Protein backbone atom coordinates (compact mmCIF):
# COMPACT_ATOMS: atom_id res chain seq x y z
CA ILE A 1 43.65 -14.56 -15.56
CA THR A 2 44.02 -18.29 -15.17
CA LEU A 3 44.13 -19.13 -11.50
CA ASN A 4 45.34 -22.73 -11.88
CA GLY A 5 43.85 -23.73 -8.55
CA LYS A 6 46.18 -21.66 -6.37
CA VAL A 7 43.80 -18.76 -5.81
CA LYS A 8 40.06 -19.30 -6.07
CA PRO A 9 37.57 -16.63 -7.18
CA VAL A 10 36.14 -16.57 -3.66
CA ASP A 11 39.62 -15.67 -2.36
CA VAL A 12 39.69 -12.61 -4.62
CA ILE A 13 36.17 -11.58 -3.58
CA GLU A 14 36.94 -12.01 0.13
CA ALA A 15 40.25 -10.12 -0.07
CA LEU A 16 38.55 -7.19 -1.76
CA GLU A 17 35.64 -7.32 0.69
CA LYS A 18 38.06 -7.02 3.63
CA GLU A 19 39.15 -3.71 2.11
CA ASN A 20 35.53 -2.58 1.61
CA ILE A 21 35.72 -3.08 -2.17
CA GLU A 22 32.72 -4.65 -3.87
CA SER A 23 33.10 -7.49 -6.35
CA ARG A 24 30.98 -10.50 -7.20
CA PRO A 25 30.93 -13.75 -9.13
CA VAL A 26 30.14 -13.58 -12.83
CA TRP A 27 26.43 -13.96 -13.65
CA LYS A 28 25.17 -17.51 -14.07
CA PRO A 29 24.80 -18.37 -17.78
CA MET A 30 21.25 -18.35 -19.10
CA HIS A 31 21.26 -22.04 -20.02
CA MET A 32 22.03 -22.88 -16.39
CA GLN A 33 19.02 -20.95 -15.10
CA PRO A 34 16.14 -23.20 -13.96
CA PHE A 35 13.71 -21.70 -16.48
CA PHE A 36 15.92 -22.76 -19.40
CA THR A 37 16.67 -26.31 -18.24
CA GLY A 38 16.25 -28.71 -21.12
CA TYR A 39 16.57 -26.11 -23.88
CA ASP A 40 19.31 -26.31 -26.50
CA TYR A 41 22.18 -23.85 -26.33
CA ILE A 42 25.36 -23.17 -28.26
CA GLY A 43 28.88 -22.35 -27.15
CA GLY A 44 30.00 -25.52 -25.43
CA ASN A 45 31.17 -25.01 -21.87
CA VAL A 46 32.87 -21.62 -22.26
CA SER A 47 30.25 -19.74 -20.25
CA GLU A 48 30.29 -22.43 -17.56
CA LYS A 49 34.07 -22.07 -17.17
CA LEU A 50 33.71 -18.29 -16.95
CA PHE A 51 30.98 -18.70 -14.33
CA GLU A 52 33.17 -21.06 -12.27
CA ASN A 53 36.31 -18.93 -12.47
CA GLY A 54 35.22 -15.37 -13.17
CA VAL A 55 34.98 -12.38 -10.87
CA CYS A 56 33.35 -9.05 -11.70
CA LEU A 57 35.77 -6.40 -10.50
CA PRO A 58 35.05 -2.73 -9.80
CA SER A 59 34.71 -0.80 -13.04
CA ASP A 60 33.08 2.51 -12.18
CA THR A 61 33.81 5.35 -14.58
CA LYS A 62 34.74 7.46 -11.56
CA MET A 63 37.55 5.13 -10.49
CA THR A 64 40.84 6.93 -10.16
CA ASP A 65 44.27 5.55 -11.00
CA GLU A 66 44.79 5.20 -7.24
CA ASP A 67 41.58 3.15 -6.94
CA LEU A 68 42.73 0.89 -9.76
CA ASP A 69 46.18 0.49 -8.21
CA ARG A 70 44.58 -0.41 -4.89
CA VAL A 71 42.37 -3.12 -6.42
CA CYS A 72 45.26 -4.53 -8.46
CA GLY A 73 47.56 -4.50 -5.44
CA ILE A 74 45.11 -6.49 -3.34
CA ILE A 75 44.67 -9.07 -6.08
CA LYS A 76 48.40 -9.34 -6.77
CA GLY A 77 48.96 -9.79 -3.05
CA LEU A 78 47.09 -13.09 -3.18
CA TRP A 79 49.94 -14.64 -5.13
């Protein structure tokens, strides 16, 4: 999903949280971790863009179709 500035990742996380649904930002890329500062890395800025714009959504194997519809409905409602 490309948000194009209209809806921010934090908006998605907060909307889901209001419905007691857990989500979180994508993990910070390794090369951005303090321990790895100054080390070479490959991949350009792809991981940085994912970190800035990504959201980890619920993905439990026990999710039902109704659970999935609920999550999708909340996210779609932001637009």
